[in-house]
Protein backbone atom coordinates (compact mmCIF):
# COMPACT_ATOMS: atom_id res chain seq x y z
CA MET A 1 -27.83 10.44 -5.99
CA GLY A 2 -25.80 8.72 -8.49
CA LEU A 3 -24.20 10.80 -10.31
CA PHE A 4 -23.57 12.67 -7.07
CA GLN A 5 -21.89 9.78 -5.65
CA GLU A 6 -19.63 9.13 -8.18
CA LEU A 7 -18.38 11.97 -9.31
CA LEU A 8 -17.26 12.37 -4.82
CA GLY A 9 -17.22 8.43 -4.37
CA SER A 10 -13.59 7.33 -3.81
CA ASP A 11 -13.53 3.51 -3.01
CA HIS A 12 -10.47 1.82 -2.62
CA LEU A 13 -9.01 0.92 -5.51
CA ALA A 14 -9.54 4.60 -6.94
CA THR A 15 -7.79 5.48 -3.84
CA LEU A 16 -4.96 3.21 -4.02
CA GLU A 17 -4.38 4.17 -8.03
CA PHE A 18 -4.38 8.04 -7.19
CA PHE A 19 -1.50 7.40 -4.86
CA VAL A 20 0.44 4.96 -6.90
CA VAL A 21 0.31 7.54 -9.98
CA GLY A 22 1.76 10.45 -7.76
CA LEU A 23 4.12 8.49 -6.03
CA ARG A 24 5.32 7.43 -9.41
CA ASP A 25 5.18 11.15 -9.81
CA VAL A 26 8.08 12.37 -7.83
CA SER A 27 9.13 8.91 -8.00
CA GLU A 28 12.56 8.83 -10.17
CA SER A 29 12.77 6.18 -12.19
CA ALA A 30 14.41 3.64 -10.71
CA THR A 31 11.99 2.76 -7.47
CA ASP A 32 10.86 -0.80 -6.73
CA GLU A 33 7.25 -1.79 -8.21
CA GLN A 34 6.98 -3.91 -4.90
CA GLU A 35 7.72 -0.89 -2.74
CA LEU A 36 6.45 1.57 -3.99
CA LEU A 37 2.66 0.09 -4.20
CA TYR A 38 3.16 -1.03 -0.62
CA ASN A 39 3.93 2.70 -0.03
CA ALA A 40 0.73 3.81 -1.88
CA SER A 41 -1.31 1.62 0.03
CA VAL A 42 -0.41 3.08 3.45
CA LEU A 43 -1.56 6.63 2.13
CA ALA A 44 -4.64 5.38 0.73
CA HIS A 45 -5.15 3.02 3.96
CA TYR A 46 -4.70 6.60 5.71
CA ALA A 47 -6.63 8.48 3.09
CA GLN A 48 -9.48 6.53 4.42
CA VAL A 49 -9.66 5.25 8.27
CA PRO A 50 -10.34 7.72 10.27
CA ILE A 51 -9.25 9.15 13.34
CA ASP A 52 -11.76 8.45 16.10
CA ALA A 53 -11.29 4.40 15.86
CA GLU A 54 -10.55 3.56 18.84
CA ASP A 55 -7.87 0.82 18.61
CA GLU A 56 -3.66 1.20 16.99
CA LEU A 57 -4.26 0.58 13.42
CA SER A 58 -6.40 4.09 12.84
CA THR A 59 -5.86 7.34 11.68
CA PRO A 60 -3.35 9.31 14.10
CA THR A 61 -4.14 12.94 14.83
CA ASP A 62 0.04 14.42 15.37
CA LEU A 63 2.88 11.91 15.83
CA SER A 64 2.52 13.11 19.91
CA THR A 65 -0.32 9.93 19.56
CA ILE A 66 1.95 8.06 18.26
CA TYR A 67 4.49 7.94 20.39
CA ASN A 68 1.15 8.14 23.43
CA ARG A 69 0.91 5.08 21.46
CA PHE A 70 4.06 2.97 20.90
CA VAL A 71 6.61 4.26 22.52
CA ALA A 72 4.56 5.23 25.88
CA ASN A 73 3.92 1.84 25.99
CA PRO A 74 6.61 -0.57 25.89
CA SER A 75 3.82 -3.78 26.35
CA LEU A 76 2.46 -3.44 23.53
CA LEU A 77 5.71 -2.62 21.53
CA ARG A 78 6.90 -6.28 23.04
CA ASP A 79 3.27 -8.09 23.82
CA SER A 80 2.79 -7.52 19.40
CA GLY A 81 3.21 -8.88 16.37
CA SER A 82 4.01 -7.79 13.12
CA ALA A 83 0.96 -5.96 12.83
CA VAL A 84 1.36 -3.72 15.65
CA MET A 85 5.02 -2.86 14.65
CA GLU A 86 4.57 -2.62 11.40
CA ALA A 87 1.10 0.35 11.51
CA ALA A 88 3.26 1.78 13.69
CA GLY A 89 5.71 2.71 11.48
CA ALA A 90 3.07 2.97 8.24
CA GLN A 91 2.12 5.96 10.86
CA CYS A 92 5.86 7.60 11.30
CA LEU A 93 5.60 7.63 7.36
CA LEU A 94 2.32 9.11 7.14
CA LEU A 95 3.07 11.74 9.91
CA ALA A 96 6.23 13.06 9.42
CA GLY A 97 5.83 12.54 5.57
CA PHE A 98 3.01 12.71 3.20
CA PHE A 99 2.46 15.45 6.86
CA GLU A 100 5.10 16.65 7.36
CA GLU A 101 5.22 20.57 7.01
CA GLN A 102 2.13 20.23 9.22
CA MET A 103 4.41 17.74 12.36
CA ARG A 104 7.77 19.64 11.67
CA SER A 105 6.79 22.99 14.37
CA ARG A 106 6.13 20.48 17.07
CA HIS A 107 7.90 17.96 16.14
CA ASN A 108 11.46 16.10 15.93
CA ILE A 109 11.11 15.10 12.00
CA ARG A 110 13.88 12.87 12.26
CA TRP A 111 13.91 10.86 15.68
CA TYR A 112 10.01 9.88 14.22
CA ALA A 113 11.40 8.91 10.93
CA GLN A 114 14.44 6.99 13.29
CA ILE A 115 12.19 5.15 15.17
CA GLY A 116 9.77 5.14 12.20
CA ALA A 117 12.14 2.38 10.61
CA GLY A 118 12.87 0.85 13.59
CA PHE A 119 9.37 0.23 13.79
CA TYR A 120 9.50 -1.37 10.85
CA ARG A 121 13.06 -3.18 11.01
CA ARG A 122 11.46 -4.70 14.14
CA ALA A 123 7.96 -5.60 11.71
CA ALA A 124 10.38 -7.59 9.54
CA ALA A 125 11.55 -9.60 13.15
CA ARG A 126 9.18 -11.26 13.40
CA GLU A 127 7.49 -11.63 10.55
CA GLU A 128 7.14 -15.27 9.75
CA THR A 129 5.75 -14.97 6.32
CA VAL A 130 9.50 -14.47 4.13
CA GLY A 131 8.75 -11.74 1.15
CA LYS A 132 6.18 -9.43 3.90
CA ALA A 133 9.77 -9.44 5.90
CA GLN A 134 11.97 -8.92 3.26
CA LEU A 135 9.36 -6.10 1.87
CA LEU A 136 10.08 -4.40 5.62
CA ASP A 137 12.84 -4.90 6.08
CA SER A 138 13.56 -3.30 2.12
CA ILE A 139 11.26 -0.33 3.58
CA ALA A 140 13.50 0.02 6.57
CA SER A 141 15.98 0.64 4.30
CA ARG A 142 15.16 3.01 2.67
CA PHE A 143 12.62 4.52 5.28
CA GLU A 144 13.75 8.14 5.02
CA LEU A 145 14.14 7.73 1.28
CA TRP A 146 10.12 7.27 1.90
CA ARG A 147 9.18 9.47 3.79
CA GLN A 148 10.65 12.61 1.52
CA ARG A 149 8.24 10.90 -1.48
CA HIS A 150 5.55 10.69 0.67
CA ALA A 151 5.95 14.81 1.20
CA ARG A 152 7.29 15.50 -2.29
CA LEU A 153 4.08 14.16 -3.04
CA ASN A 154 2.12 16.05 -0.56
CA ARG A 155 4.00 19.40 -1.77
CA GLU A 156 3.07 18.59 -5.51
CA LEU A 157 -1.12 18.49 -4.26
CA ARG A 158 -1.08 21.17 -2.42
CA ASP A 159 0.84 23.38 -5.91
CA LEU A 160 -2.36 21.33 -8.03
CA ARG A 161 -5.30 23.50 -6.32
CA TYR A 162 -3.53 26.95 -8.18
CA ILE A 163 -4.21 25.04 -11.68
CA PHE A 164 -7.33 23.87 -11.79
CA THR A 165 -9.00 26.44 -13.13
CA PRO A 166 -12.93 27.17 -11.67
CA ARG A 167 -15.43 27.06 -14.10
CA HIS A 168 -18.54 29.63 -14.75
């Protein structure tokens, strides 16, 4: 079972490294390293969190879930701290970015990108740690850029399946 687990298993670090490398490949050379690591950590986190968890940090099934959790429930946003705002922004980034093609037919991607950036701005304003607040504000300012990189990474990963040749 050890070898089989090693082949199929992926720990947090390996998943993070996978997305760091992927985002580097689809990014320009002038990419802020801290923003790149943050974005890779968002993708790695949601790659490992089930969609059936019962909290606002679980992986949403679609953009309607984000709307129902965060937009249609203004008391949650009003009474929440930085972590919930950041989670809302990260979920918009994940679904409007990495899963853009799957979401586009049912949702207005541009609108969700705008509210995602807004969630990050609110998270930055509520964040007590200066460095983290600056990072969240940077993500908000470059939300569309990162959203496009997430979408590009998804397309490239999907195209890779046509490159691998099966062994007999």
